[in-house]
Amino acid sequence: MKQNISHAVMSQRYEPADSRDDFPTPPWATRALFEHVLPGYRSYFRSATCLEPACGAGHMARVLEEYFGRVRAYDAFDDSYGAIRDFLTFPYREGEADWIITNPPFRLAEDFIARALREKIARYGVAILARTVFLEGKRRYQQIFWRRPPWIVAQFVERVPMVRGRLDATATTATGYAWFVWKMDPAPEDLVPHLLWIPPCRRRLERSGDYPADGPEHSHED
């Protein structure tokens, strides 16, 4: 049988149940949350706390520190950055941090969101970076979306290339990503999701030092 190598099929990721699903977030994609999705909150974030519960090697957490007064970063695996702490089993208290912001393993994203919202681990908000296809699925709809739809779904118009286990400034992808944002105590109007588009911003939001010095040459196409 001939392998299906269409662009759409090859862009899909299939992770085994025990996979770490470690696809680090390019720093510019994290900055886009603050510069284009929640720009009106930037002054507030400077005195707020943030929990990053799937920090990996810290690529998202380091950017969160640019905006938040305090960031606590953990992961279920030891990547020599945050302390080891499994978000789905650790006994977090209600109101542990002002915000939870993370790029969780895709297969666990639903569980991350469900626990964060159900137990009110964040006082004000939860933001998850996930593939756009996270919007699909009967189970997600039944467990999350019809009960607690996101306040904002912010779709990247540029691709956000993610590579297993490392950052790569030259990587490409056919996979779409979006930020999903929930308010913890939403007003009735916040239960109607707002769809936003994150405009092309990679070139403006990338910074010197974002990628490993020994990695591929830093270049990309807009």
N, C-alpha and C. Protein backbone atom coordinates (compact mmCIF):
# COMPACT_ATOMS: atom_id res chain seq x y z
N MET A 1 0.85 -1.20 0.00
CA MET A 1 0.00 0.00 0.00
C MET A 1 0.88 1.24 0.00
N LYS A 2 0.56 2.20 -0.84
CA LYS A 2 1.35 3.41 -0.93
C LYS A 2 1.08 4.32 0.26
N GLN A 3 2.14 4.84 0.84
CA GLN A 3 2.00 5.72 2.00
C GLN A 3 1.32 7.03 1.59
N ASN A 4 0.41 7.49 2.42
CA ASN A 4 -0.24 8.78 2.19
C ASN A 4 0.69 9.87 2.70
N ILE A 5 1.25 10.64 1.78
CA ILE A 5 2.22 11.66 2.17
C ILE A 5 1.68 13.05 1.87
N SER A 6 0.36 13.19 1.85
CA SER A 6 -0.21 14.51 1.63
C SER A 6 0.23 15.44 2.75
N HIS A 7 0.27 16.73 2.43
CA HIS A 7 0.74 17.74 3.38
C HIS A 7 -0.08 17.71 4.67
N ALA A 8 -1.40 17.55 4.54
CA ALA A 8 -2.26 17.56 5.72
C ALA A 8 -2.01 16.36 6.61
N VAL A 9 -1.88 15.19 6.00
CA VAL A 9 -1.68 13.98 6.79
C VAL A 9 -0.32 13.99 7.46
N MET A 10 0.71 14.38 6.73
CA MET A 10 2.06 14.35 7.28
C MET A 10 2.23 15.38 8.39
N SER A 11 1.37 16.38 8.45
CA SER A 11 1.50 17.40 9.48
C SER A 11 0.93 16.94 10.82
N GLN A 12 0.18 15.81 10.82
CA GLN A 12 -0.44 15.36 12.05
C GLN A 12 0.59 14.66 12.94
N ARG A 13 0.38 14.78 14.26
CA ARG A 13 1.26 14.14 15.22
C ARG A 13 0.48 13.06 15.94
N TYR A 14 1.04 11.86 15.97
CA TYR A 14 0.41 10.77 16.70
C TYR A 14 1.37 10.35 17.81
N GLU A 15 0.95 10.55 19.05
CA GLU A 15 1.81 10.29 20.18
C GLU A 15 1.32 9.08 20.96
N PRO A 16 2.21 8.12 21.30
CA PRO A 16 1.80 6.99 22.12
C PRO A 16 1.40 7.46 23.51
N ALA A 17 0.67 6.60 24.22
CA ALA A 17 0.11 6.99 25.51
C ALA A 17 1.17 7.39 26.52
N ASP A 18 2.38 6.81 26.41
CA ASP A 18 3.42 7.13 27.38
C ASP A 18 4.41 8.18 26.85
N SER A 19 4.08 8.83 25.74
CA SER A 19 4.99 9.82 25.16
C SER A 19 5.04 11.07 26.01
N ARG A 20 6.22 11.71 26.06
CA ARG A 20 6.34 12.99 26.74
C ARG A 20 5.71 14.10 25.91
N ASP A 21 5.55 13.86 24.63
CA ASP A 21 4.94 14.86 23.73
C ASP A 21 5.62 16.21 23.94
N ASP A 22 6.93 16.21 23.89
CA ASP A 22 7.73 17.40 24.20
C ASP A 22 8.02 18.19 22.93
N PHE A 23 7.23 19.21 22.68
CA PHE A 23 7.40 20.08 21.52
C PHE A 23 7.52 21.52 22.04
N PRO A 24 8.74 22.00 22.31
CA PRO A 24 8.92 23.32 22.92
C PRO A 24 8.30 24.45 22.12
N THR A 25 7.79 25.43 22.83
CA THR A 25 7.12 26.57 22.21
C THR A 25 8.13 27.63 21.80
N PRO A 26 8.15 28.04 20.53
CA PRO A 26 9.00 29.16 20.14
C PRO A 26 8.65 30.40 20.97
N PRO A 27 9.64 31.09 21.53
CA PRO A 27 9.35 32.22 22.42
C PRO A 27 8.43 33.27 21.83
N TRP A 28 8.52 33.53 20.53
CA TRP A 28 7.67 34.56 19.95
C TRP A 28 6.19 34.21 20.05
N ALA A 29 5.87 32.92 20.05
CA ALA A 29 4.48 32.51 20.13
C ALA A 29 3.91 32.77 21.53
N THR A 30 4.76 32.68 22.54
CA THR A 30 4.32 33.03 23.89
C THR A 30 4.13 34.54 24.01
N ARG A 31 5.07 35.31 23.48
CA ARG A 31 4.93 36.77 23.53
C ARG A 31 3.66 37.24 22.84
N ALA A 32 3.23 36.52 21.80
CA ALA A 32 2.04 36.92 21.07
C ALA A 32 0.81 36.92 21.97
N LEU A 33 0.77 36.06 22.98
CA LEU A 33 -0.36 36.05 23.90
C LEU A 33 -0.52 37.40 24.58
N PHE A 34 0.59 38.02 24.96
CA PHE A 34 0.54 39.28 25.69
C PHE A 34 0.46 40.49 24.77
N GLU A 35 1.07 40.38 23.62
CA GLU A 35 1.11 41.53 22.71
C GLU A 35 -0.13 41.63 21.83
N HIS A 36 -0.80 40.51 21.57
CA HIS A 36 -1.91 40.54 20.62
C HIS A 36 -3.22 39.97 21.17
N VAL A 37 -3.16 39.12 22.18
CA VAL A 37 -4.39 38.52 22.71
C VAL A 37 -4.86 39.23 23.98
N LEU A 38 -3.93 39.53 24.88
CA LEU A 38 -4.26 40.17 26.16
C LEU A 38 -3.44 41.44 26.37
N PRO A 39 -3.36 42.31 25.39
CA PRO A 39 -2.49 43.49 25.55
C PRO A 39 -2.94 44.44 26.65
N GLY A 40 -4.23 44.47 26.94
CA GLY A 40 -4.73 45.38 27.97
C GLY A 40 -4.40 44.95 29.38
N TYR A 41 -3.86 43.73 29.55
CA TYR A 41 -3.56 43.21 30.87
C TYR A 41 -2.08 43.31 31.22
N ARG A 42 -1.27 43.85 30.36
CA ARG A 42 0.18 43.80 30.56
C ARG A 42 0.62 44.48 31.85
N SER A 43 0.04 45.63 32.19
CA SER A 43 0.43 46.31 33.43
C SER A 43 0.00 45.49 34.64
N TYR A 44 -1.14 44.83 34.55
CA TYR A 44 -1.61 43.99 35.66
C TYR A 44 -0.69 42.79 35.86
N PHE A 45 -0.23 42.18 34.77
CA PHE A 45 0.61 40.99 34.88
C PHE A 45 1.89 41.26 35.67
N ARG A 46 2.38 42.49 35.64
CA ARG A 46 3.65 42.78 36.31
C ARG A 46 3.59 42.54 37.82
N SER A 47 2.41 42.59 38.39
CA SER A 47 2.27 42.33 39.82
C SER A 47 1.55 41.02 40.10
N ALA A 48 1.36 40.20 39.08
CA ALA A 48 0.61 38.96 39.22
C ALA A 48 1.55 37.76 39.22
N THR A 49 1.01 36.60 39.61
CA THR A 49 1.77 35.35 39.62
C THR A 49 1.26 34.42 38.54
N CYS A 50 2.16 33.59 38.04
CA CYS A 50 1.81 32.65 36.96
C CYS A 50 2.37 31.28 37.28
N LEU A 51 1.59 30.26 37.01
CA LEU A 51 2.00 28.87 37.14
C LEU A 51 2.15 28.29 35.74
N GLU A 52 3.34 27.76 35.45
CA GLU A 52 3.59 27.05 34.18
C GLU A 52 3.81 25.59 34.53
N PRO A 53 2.78 24.75 34.41
CA PRO A 53 2.87 23.38 34.93
C PRO A 53 3.41 22.33 33.98
N ALA A 54 3.81 22.72 32.76
CA ALA A 54 4.39 21.77 31.81
C ALA A 54 5.58 22.45 31.14
N CYS A 55 6.55 22.86 31.97
CA CYS A 55 7.58 23.80 31.51
C CYS A 55 8.67 23.20 30.64
N GLY A 56 8.85 21.87 30.67
CA GLY A 56 9.93 21.29 29.89
C GLY A 56 11.26 21.94 30.23
N ALA A 57 11.97 22.39 29.20
CA ALA A 57 13.27 23.03 29.41
C ALA A 57 13.15 24.52 29.70
N GLY A 58 11.94 25.03 29.85
CA GLY A 58 11.75 26.41 30.30
C GLY A 58 11.58 27.45 29.23
N HIS A 59 11.35 27.06 27.98
CA HIS A 59 11.29 28.04 26.90
C HIS A 59 10.09 28.98 27.06
N MET A 60 8.95 28.47 27.47
CA MET A 60 7.80 29.34 27.70
C MET A 60 7.96 30.09 29.02
N ALA A 61 8.43 29.42 30.05
CA ALA A 61 8.55 30.04 31.37
C ALA A 61 9.45 31.26 31.34
N ARG A 62 10.54 31.21 30.59
CA ARG A 62 11.44 32.36 30.51
C ARG A 62 10.75 33.57 29.90
N VAL A 63 9.89 33.34 28.93
CA VAL A 63 9.14 34.46 28.35
C VAL A 63 8.09 34.96 29.32
N LEU A 64 7.45 34.08 30.04
CA LEU A 64 6.46 34.50 31.04
C LEU A 64 7.10 35.43 32.08
N GLU A 65 8.36 35.19 32.38
CA GLU A 65 9.06 36.05 33.34
C GLU A 65 9.26 37.47 32.81
N GLU A 66 9.16 37.64 31.51
CA GLU A 66 9.25 38.98 30.94
C GLU A 66 8.01 39.81 31.26
N TYR A 67 6.91 39.14 31.60
CA TYR A 67 5.64 39.83 31.78
C TYR A 67 5.10 39.75 33.21
N PHE A 68 5.33 38.64 33.89
CA PHE A 68 4.75 38.44 35.21
C PHE A 68 5.71 38.83 36.33
N GLY A 69 5.12 39.20 37.46
CA GLY A 69 5.94 39.50 38.62
C GLY A 69 6.63 38.27 39.17
N ARG A 70 5.95 37.13 39.11
CA ARG A 70 6.54 35.88 39.59
C ARG A 70 6.01 34.72 38.77
N VAL A 71 6.89 33.81 38.39
CA VAL A 71 6.52 32.62 37.63
C VAL A 71 7.05 31.39 38.35
N ARG A 72 6.19 30.43 38.56
CA ARG A 72 6.60 29.13 39.10
C ARG A 72 6.44 28.09 38.01
N ALA A 73 7.50 27.36 37.74
CA ALA A 73 7.53 26.42 36.61
C ALA A 73 7.79 25.01 37.12
N TYR A 74 6.98 24.07 36.64
CA TYR A 74 7.10 22.67 37.03
C TYR A 74 6.88 21.79 35.79
N ASP A 75 7.27 20.53 35.94
CA ASP A 75 7.01 19.56 34.88
C ASP A 75 7.00 18.17 35.50
N ALA A 76 6.30 17.25 34.85
CA ALA A 76 6.26 15.87 35.33
C ALA A 76 7.58 15.16 35.08
N PHE A 77 8.42 15.73 34.20
CA PHE A 77 9.72 15.13 33.88
C PHE A 77 10.83 16.12 34.23
N ASP A 78 12.01 15.58 34.43
CA ASP A 78 13.16 16.41 34.81
C ASP A 78 13.90 16.89 33.56
N ASP A 79 13.76 18.18 33.27
CA ASP A 79 14.49 18.78 32.16
C ASP A 79 15.48 19.82 32.68
N SER A 80 15.83 19.72 33.96
CA SER A 80 16.83 20.60 34.57
C SER A 80 16.40 22.06 34.54
N TYR A 81 15.09 22.29 34.61
CA TYR A 81 14.61 23.67 34.71
C TYR A 81 13.72 23.82 35.94
N GLY A 82 12.46 23.50 35.84
CA GLY A 82 11.58 23.59 36.99
C GLY A 82 11.65 22.34 37.85
N ALA A 83 11.02 22.42 39.03
CA ALA A 83 10.95 21.25 39.90
C ALA A 83 10.02 20.20 39.28
N ILE A 84 10.17 18.96 39.70
CA ILE A 84 9.35 17.87 39.19
C ILE A 84 8.03 17.86 39.94
N ARG A 85 6.95 18.03 39.19
CA ARG A 85 5.62 18.06 39.79
C ARG A 85 4.61 17.78 38.69
N ASP A 86 3.85 16.72 38.85
CA ASP A 86 2.84 16.33 37.85
C ASP A 86 1.57 17.15 38.11
N PHE A 87 1.20 17.99 37.15
CA PHE A 87 0.05 18.87 37.35
C PHE A 87 -1.24 18.10 37.62
N LEU A 88 -1.36 16.91 37.05
CA LEU A 88 -2.62 16.18 37.16
C LEU A 88 -2.76 15.43 38.48
N THR A 89 -1.68 15.29 39.25
CA THR A 89 -1.76 14.55 40.51
C THR A 89 -1.33 15.35 41.72
N PHE A 90 -0.57 16.43 41.53
CA PHE A 90 -0.10 17.20 42.68
C PHE A 90 -1.27 17.89 43.38
N PRO A 91 -1.30 17.91 44.72
CA PRO A 91 -2.44 18.51 45.44
C PRO A 91 -2.36 20.04 45.49
N TYR A 92 -2.62 20.67 44.37
CA TYR A 92 -2.64 22.13 44.33
C TYR A 92 -3.81 22.68 45.14
N ARG A 93 -3.59 23.85 45.69
CA ARG A 93 -4.65 24.53 46.42
C ARG A 93 -5.48 25.40 45.46
N GLU A 94 -6.67 25.74 45.86
CA GLU A 94 -7.46 26.70 45.12
C GLU A 94 -6.75 28.06 45.16
N GLY A 95 -6.68 28.73 44.02
CA GLY A 95 -6.01 30.02 43.97
C GLY A 95 -4.50 29.94 44.12
N GLU A 96 -3.91 28.87 43.64
CA GLU A 96 -2.47 28.67 43.74
C GLU A 96 -1.69 29.79 43.05
N ALA A 97 -2.21 30.31 41.96
CA ALA A 97 -1.56 31.39 41.22
C ALA A 97 -2.66 32.24 40.58
N ASP A 98 -2.28 33.42 40.12
CA ASP A 98 -3.26 34.25 39.43
C ASP A 98 -3.63 33.67 38.08
N TRP A 99 -2.64 33.19 37.35
CA TRP A 99 -2.87 32.62 36.01
C TRP A 99 -2.14 31.29 35.88
N ILE A 100 -2.70 30.41 35.07
CA ILE A 100 -2.01 29.22 34.58
C ILE A 100 -1.85 29.41 33.08
N ILE A 101 -0.62 29.35 32.62
CA ILE A 101 -0.33 29.49 31.19
C ILE A 101 0.67 28.40 30.80
N THR A 102 0.34 27.62 29.77
CA THR A 102 1.20 26.50 29.42
C THR A 102 0.89 25.97 28.04
N ASN A 103 1.80 25.17 27.53
CA ASN A 103 1.61 24.36 26.32
C ASN A 103 1.72 22.91 26.77
N PRO A 104 0.61 22.31 27.19
CA PRO A 104 0.68 20.96 27.76
C PRO A 104 0.81 19.90 26.67
N PRO A 105 1.18 18.68 27.04
CA PRO A 105 1.13 17.59 26.06
C PRO A 105 -0.28 17.55 25.45
N PHE A 106 -0.35 17.46 24.14
CA PHE A 106 -1.66 17.59 23.48
C PHE A 106 -2.65 16.56 23.99
N ARG A 107 -2.19 15.33 24.22
CA ARG A 107 -3.10 14.27 24.65
C ARG A 107 -3.63 14.51 26.06
N LEU A 108 -2.96 15.41 26.82
CA LEU A 108 -3.38 15.71 28.19
C LEU A 108 -4.00 17.09 28.34
N ALA A 109 -4.08 17.84 27.24
CA ALA A 109 -4.55 19.23 27.34
C ALA A 109 -5.95 19.30 27.93
N GLU A 110 -6.82 18.41 27.51
CA GLU A 110 -8.19 18.41 28.04
C GLU A 110 -8.18 18.20 29.55
N ASP A 111 -7.34 17.27 30.03
CA ASP A 111 -7.26 17.01 31.47
C ASP A 111 -6.68 18.20 32.22
N PHE A 112 -5.68 18.86 31.64
CA PHE A 112 -5.10 20.05 32.27
C PHE A 112 -6.18 21.12 32.45
N ILE A 113 -6.92 21.38 31.38
CA ILE A 113 -7.94 22.43 31.43
C ILE A 113 -9.04 22.07 32.42
N ALA A 114 -9.52 20.83 32.34
CA ALA A 114 -10.61 20.41 33.21
C ALA A 114 -10.23 20.55 34.68
N ARG A 115 -9.02 20.14 35.03
CA ARG A 115 -8.63 20.24 36.43
C ARG A 115 -8.44 21.69 36.85
N ALA A 116 -7.78 22.48 36.01
CA ALA A 116 -7.54 23.89 36.35
C ALA A 116 -8.85 24.62 36.60
N LEU A 117 -9.86 24.38 35.75
CA LEU A 117 -11.13 25.07 35.89
C LEU A 117 -11.96 24.50 37.05
N ARG A 118 -12.00 23.19 37.15
CA ARG A 118 -12.83 22.55 38.18
C ARG A 118 -12.36 22.91 39.59
N GLU A 119 -11.04 22.88 39.80
CA GLU A 119 -10.51 23.11 41.14
C GLU A 119 -10.06 24.55 41.37
N LYS A 120 -10.27 25.40 40.38
CA LYS A 120 -9.97 26.83 40.49
C LYS A 120 -8.54 27.06 41.00
N ILE A 121 -7.60 26.34 40.37
CA ILE A 121 -6.20 26.46 40.77
C ILE A 121 -5.67 27.85 40.44
N ALA A 122 -6.19 28.45 39.39
CA ALA A 122 -5.85 29.84 39.06
C ALA A 122 -6.96 30.75 39.56
N ARG A 123 -6.57 31.92 40.04
CA ARG A 123 -7.56 32.87 40.55
C ARG A 123 -8.29 33.60 39.43
N TYR A 124 -7.56 33.92 38.34
CA TYR A 124 -8.15 34.80 37.33
C TYR A 124 -8.27 34.20 35.94
N GLY A 125 -7.31 33.40 35.51
CA GLY A 125 -7.40 32.92 34.15
C GLY A 125 -6.50 31.74 33.84
N VAL A 126 -6.85 31.06 32.75
CA VAL A 126 -6.09 29.91 32.24
C VAL A 126 -5.90 30.11 30.75
N ALA A 127 -4.67 29.98 30.27
CA ALA A 127 -4.38 30.10 28.85
C ALA A 127 -3.57 28.89 28.39
N ILE A 128 -4.06 28.23 27.38
CA ILE A 128 -3.44 27.01 26.86
C ILE A 128 -3.11 27.21 25.39
N LEU A 129 -1.88 26.90 25.01
CA LEU A 129 -1.50 26.89 23.60
C LEU A 129 -1.69 25.46 23.10
N ALA A 130 -2.49 25.31 22.05
CA ALA A 130 -2.77 23.97 21.53
C ALA A 130 -3.01 24.04 20.04
N ARG A 131 -2.94 22.87 19.42
CA ARG A 131 -3.28 22.79 18.00
C ARG A 131 -4.73 23.24 17.80
N THR A 132 -5.00 23.87 16.68
CA THR A 132 -6.34 24.37 16.41
C THR A 132 -7.37 23.26 16.42
N VAL A 133 -6.98 22.05 16.06
CA VAL A 133 -7.93 20.94 16.03
C VAL A 133 -8.40 20.57 17.43
N PHE A 134 -7.84 21.20 18.46
CA PHE A 134 -8.34 20.97 19.81
C PHE A 134 -9.82 21.37 19.92
N LEU A 135 -10.27 22.23 19.05
CA LEU A 135 -11.68 22.64 19.04
C LEU A 135 -12.61 21.48 18.68
N GLU A 136 -12.07 20.46 18.03
CA GLU A 136 -12.88 19.33 17.59
C GLU A 136 -12.97 18.27 18.68
N GLY A 137 -13.91 17.37 18.53
CA GLY A 137 -13.98 16.19 19.39
C GLY A 137 -15.19 16.19 20.31
N LYS A 138 -15.95 15.08 20.28
CA LYS A 138 -17.14 14.97 21.12
C LYS A 138 -16.79 15.03 22.60
N ARG A 139 -15.73 14.34 22.99
CA ARG A 139 -15.39 14.28 24.41
C ARG A 139 -15.00 15.66 24.94
N ARG A 140 -14.19 16.41 24.17
CA ARG A 140 -13.82 17.75 24.61
C ARG A 140 -15.05 18.64 24.72
N TYR A 141 -15.96 18.50 23.76
CA TYR A 141 -17.17 19.30 23.81
C TYR A 141 -17.98 18.97 25.07
N GLN A 142 -18.13 17.68 25.36
CA GLN A 142 -18.92 17.28 26.51
C GLN A 142 -18.25 17.62 27.83
N GLN A 143 -16.92 17.47 27.88
CA GLN A 143 -16.20 17.67 29.14
C GLN A 143 -15.87 19.14 29.42
N ILE A 144 -15.71 19.94 28.35
CA ILE A 144 -15.23 21.31 28.55
C ILE A 144 -16.11 22.33 27.85
N PHE A 145 -16.20 22.25 26.54
CA PHE A 145 -16.67 23.39 25.77
C PHE A 145 -18.12 23.77 26.02
N TRP A 146 -19.03 22.81 26.17
CA TRP A 146 -20.42 23.21 26.33
C TRP A 146 -20.68 23.72 27.75
N ARG A 147 -19.82 23.28 28.71
CA ARG A 147 -19.97 23.76 30.08
C ARG A 147 -19.22 25.07 30.30
N ARG A 148 -17.97 25.10 29.85
CA ARG A 148 -17.12 26.26 30.05
C ARG A 148 -16.38 26.60 28.77
N PRO A 149 -17.05 27.22 27.83
CA PRO A 149 -16.36 27.59 26.59
C PRO A 149 -15.28 28.61 26.89
N PRO A 150 -14.23 28.62 26.11
CA PRO A 150 -13.17 29.61 26.34
C PRO A 150 -13.68 31.03 26.12
N TRP A 151 -13.11 31.94 26.83
CA TRP A 151 -13.41 33.36 26.67
C TRP A 151 -12.87 33.85 25.33
N ILE A 152 -11.65 33.42 25.00
CA ILE A 152 -11.00 33.83 23.75
C ILE A 152 -10.39 32.60 23.07
N VAL A 153 -10.58 32.50 21.77
CA VAL A 153 -9.80 31.60 20.93
C VAL A 153 -9.05 32.49 19.95
N ALA A 154 -7.73 32.48 20.04
CA ALA A 154 -6.89 33.36 19.22
C ALA A 154 -6.05 32.52 18.28
N GLN A 155 -6.39 32.56 17.01
CA GLN A 155 -5.76 31.74 15.99
C GLN A 155 -4.53 32.45 15.39
N PHE A 156 -3.41 31.76 15.37
CA PHE A 156 -2.23 32.27 14.68
C PHE A 156 -2.48 32.22 13.18
N VAL A 157 -2.23 33.32 12.48
CA VAL A 157 -2.30 33.28 11.02
C VAL A 157 -0.98 32.80 10.43
N GLU A 158 0.11 32.96 11.18
CA GLU A 158 1.39 32.36 10.81
C GLU A 158 1.46 30.97 11.43
N ARG A 159 2.22 30.10 10.82
CA ARG A 159 2.47 28.80 11.43
C ARG A 159 3.42 28.96 12.60
N VAL A 160 3.25 28.11 13.60
CA VAL A 160 4.13 28.09 14.77
C VAL A 160 4.89 26.77 14.74
N PRO A 161 6.08 26.74 14.16
CA PRO A 161 6.80 25.47 14.02
C PRO A 161 7.29 24.95 15.36
N MET A 162 6.96 23.72 15.65
CA MET A 162 7.43 23.06 16.87
C MET A 162 8.09 21.75 16.49
N VAL A 163 9.24 21.50 17.10
CA VAL A 163 10.05 20.32 16.79
C VAL A 163 10.22 19.52 18.07
N ARG A 164 10.12 18.22 17.96
CA ARG A 164 10.23 17.37 19.14
C ARG A 164 11.57 17.60 19.87
N GLY A 165 11.49 17.99 21.12
CA GLY A 165 12.65 18.03 22.00
C GLY A 165 13.58 19.21 21.85
N ARG A 166 13.28 20.17 20.96
CA ARG A 166 14.22 21.28 20.79
C ARG A 166 13.54 22.45 20.08
N LEU A 167 14.15 23.63 20.21
CA LEU A 167 13.75 24.77 19.39
C LEU A 167 14.56 24.76 18.12
N ASP A 168 13.92 25.14 17.02
CA ASP A 168 14.59 25.17 15.73
C ASP A 168 14.07 26.37 14.96
N ALA A 169 14.92 27.36 14.76
CA ALA A 169 14.51 28.60 14.10
C ALA A 169 14.18 28.40 12.63
N THR A 170 14.61 27.30 12.03
CA THR A 170 14.39 27.09 10.60
C THR A 170 13.29 26.06 10.32
N ALA A 171 12.67 25.54 11.35
CA ALA A 171 11.64 24.51 11.15
C ALA A 171 10.41 25.08 10.45
N THR A 172 9.68 24.21 9.78
CA THR A 172 8.42 24.57 9.15
C THR A 172 7.36 23.57 9.60
N THR A 173 6.10 23.91 9.39
CA THR A 173 5.03 23.01 9.78
C THR A 173 3.77 23.35 8.98
N ALA A 174 2.88 22.39 8.87
CA ALA A 174 1.56 22.61 8.28
C ALA A 174 0.49 22.63 9.36
N THR A 175 0.89 22.53 10.62
CA THR A 175 -0.05 22.46 11.74
C THR A 175 -0.40 23.85 12.25
N GLY A 176 -1.69 24.11 12.44
CA GLY A 176 -2.14 25.39 12.96
C GLY A 176 -2.23 25.34 14.48
N TYR A 177 -1.95 26.49 15.11
CA TYR A 177 -2.02 26.60 16.57
C TYR A 177 -2.85 27.81 16.97
N ALA A 178 -3.39 27.75 18.18
CA ALA A 178 -4.17 28.85 18.71
C ALA A 178 -3.99 28.92 20.22
N TRP A 179 -4.21 30.11 20.77
CA TRP A 179 -4.30 30.29 22.22
C TRP A 179 -5.76 30.16 22.62
N PHE A 180 -6.01 29.37 23.67
CA PHE A 180 -7.33 29.21 24.26
C PHE A 180 -7.29 29.80 25.66
N VAL A 181 -8.15 30.77 25.94
CA VAL A 181 -8.09 31.51 27.20
C VAL A 181 -9.44 31.43 27.91
N TRP A 182 -9.41 31.10 29.20
CA TRP A 182 -10.60 31.05 30.04
C TRP A 182 -10.48 32.06 31.17
N LYS A 183 -11.58 32.69 31.53
CA LYS A 183 -11.67 33.45 32.77
C LYS A 183 -12.24 32.53 33.85
N MET A 184 -11.74 32.67 35.08
CA MET A 184 -12.18 31.78 36.14
C MET A 184 -13.59 32.09 36.60
N ASP A 185 -13.95 33.35 36.71
CA ASP A 185 -15.31 33.74 37.12
C ASP A 185 -15.91 34.59 36.01
N PRO A 186 -16.28 33.94 34.92
CA PRO A 186 -16.72 34.71 33.75
C PRO A 186 -18.08 35.38 33.95
N ALA A 187 -18.18 36.58 33.43
CA ALA A 187 -19.48 37.23 33.33
C ALA A 187 -20.25 36.54 32.20
N PRO A 188 -21.58 36.69 32.17
CA PRO A 188 -22.36 36.02 31.11
C PRO A 188 -21.84 36.30 29.70
N GLU A 189 -21.41 37.53 29.47
CA GLU A 189 -20.91 37.86 28.13
C GLU A 189 -19.59 37.17 27.81
N ASP A 190 -18.86 36.75 28.85
CA ASP A 190 -17.58 36.08 28.61
C ASP A 190 -17.75 34.59 28.33
N LEU A 191 -18.99 34.09 28.43
CA LEU A 191 -19.26 32.70 28.09
C LEU A 191 -19.58 32.54 26.61
N VAL A 192 -19.57 33.64 25.88
CA VAL A 192 -19.67 33.61 24.42
C VAL A 192 -18.26 33.81 23.87
N PRO A 193 -17.65 32.77 23.30
CA PRO A 193 -16.25 32.88 22.89
C PRO A 193 -16.00 34.00 21.90
N HIS A 194 -14.88 34.67 22.09
CA HIS A 194 -14.42 35.70 21.17
C HIS A 194 -13.35 35.08 20.27
N LEU A 195 -13.55 35.13 18.98
CA LEU A 195 -12.57 34.62 18.04
C LEU A 195 -11.69 35.76 17.57
N LEU A 196 -10.38 35.60 17.77
CA LEU A 196 -9.40 36.58 17.34
C LEU A 196 -8.41 35.93 16.39
N TRP A 197 -7.78 36.75 15.58
CA TRP A 197 -6.67 36.29 14.75
C TRP A 197 -5.40 37.01 15.22
N ILE A 198 -4.35 36.24 15.46
CA ILE A 198 -3.05 36.82 15.82
C ILE A 198 -2.35 37.16 14.51
N PRO A 199 -2.11 38.43 14.24
CA PRO A 199 -1.55 38.82 12.94
C PRO A 199 -0.11 38.36 12.80
N PRO A 200 0.44 38.42 11.61
CA PRO A 200 1.85 38.08 11.45
C PRO A 200 2.70 38.91 12.41
N CYS A 201 3.47 38.23 13.26
CA CYS A 201 4.21 38.94 14.30
C CYS A 201 5.54 38.28 14.65
N ARG A 202 5.86 37.18 14.01
CA ARG A 202 7.07 36.45 14.38
C ARG A 202 8.30 37.32 14.28
N ARG A 203 8.45 38.01 13.16
CA ARG A 203 9.67 38.80 12.96
C ARG A 203 9.80 39.88 14.04
N ARG A 204 8.70 40.48 14.44
CA ARG A 204 8.74 41.56 15.42
C ARG A 204 8.96 41.03 16.84
N LEU A 205 8.48 39.83 17.13
CA LEU A 205 8.51 39.33 18.50
C LEU A 205 9.69 38.41 18.81
N GLU A 206 10.45 38.04 17.81
CA GLU A 206 11.65 37.24 18.09
C GLU A 206 12.74 38.13 18.66
N ARG A 207 13.54 37.57 19.55
CA ARG A 207 14.61 38.29 20.22
C ARG A 207 15.93 37.55 20.05
N SER A 208 17.00 38.31 20.09
CA SER A 208 18.32 37.69 20.09
C SER A 208 18.45 36.80 21.32
N GLY A 209 18.92 35.60 21.14
CA GLY A 209 19.07 34.66 22.24
C GLY A 209 17.88 33.73 22.44
N ASP A 210 16.84 33.86 21.62
CA ASP A 210 15.68 32.99 21.76
C ASP A 210 15.99 31.54 21.43
N TYR A 211 16.94 31.34 20.51
CA TYR A 211 17.24 29.99 20.06
C TYR A 211 18.65 29.60 20.51
N PRO A 212 18.89 28.31 20.73
CA PRO A 212 20.21 27.87 21.17
C PRO A 212 21.31 28.34 20.22
N ALA A 213 22.43 28.77 20.80
CA ALA A 213 23.53 29.30 19.99
C ALA A 213 24.10 28.25 19.06
N ASP A 214 24.00 26.98 19.45
CA ASP A 214 24.57 25.92 18.62
C ASP A 214 23.52 25.30 17.70
N GLY A 215 22.32 25.92 17.62
CA GLY A 215 21.27 25.40 16.77
C GLY A 215 21.41 25.90 15.36
N PRO A 216 20.41 25.66 14.52
CA PRO A 216 20.45 26.12 13.12
C PRO A 216 20.52 27.62 13.03
N GLU A 217 21.03 28.10 11.96
CA GLU A 217 21.12 29.54 11.74
C GLU A 217 19.72 30.15 11.85
N HIS A 218 19.61 31.27 12.52
CA HIS A 218 18.33 31.90 12.79
C HIS A 218 17.84 32.65 11.54
N SER A 219 16.91 32.04 10.86
CA SER A 219 16.33 32.66 9.67
C SER A 219 14.95 32.09 9.45
N HIS A 220 14.09 32.82 8.82
CA HIS A 220 12.77 32.34 8.51
C HIS A 220 12.14 33.21 7.43
N GLU A 221 11.02 32.73 6.92
CA GLU A 221 10.27 33.51 5.96
C GLU A 221 9.02 34.05 6.61
N ASP A 222 8.63 35.26 6.29
CA ASP A 222 7.37 35.81 6.78
C ASP A 222 6.22 35.25 5.94
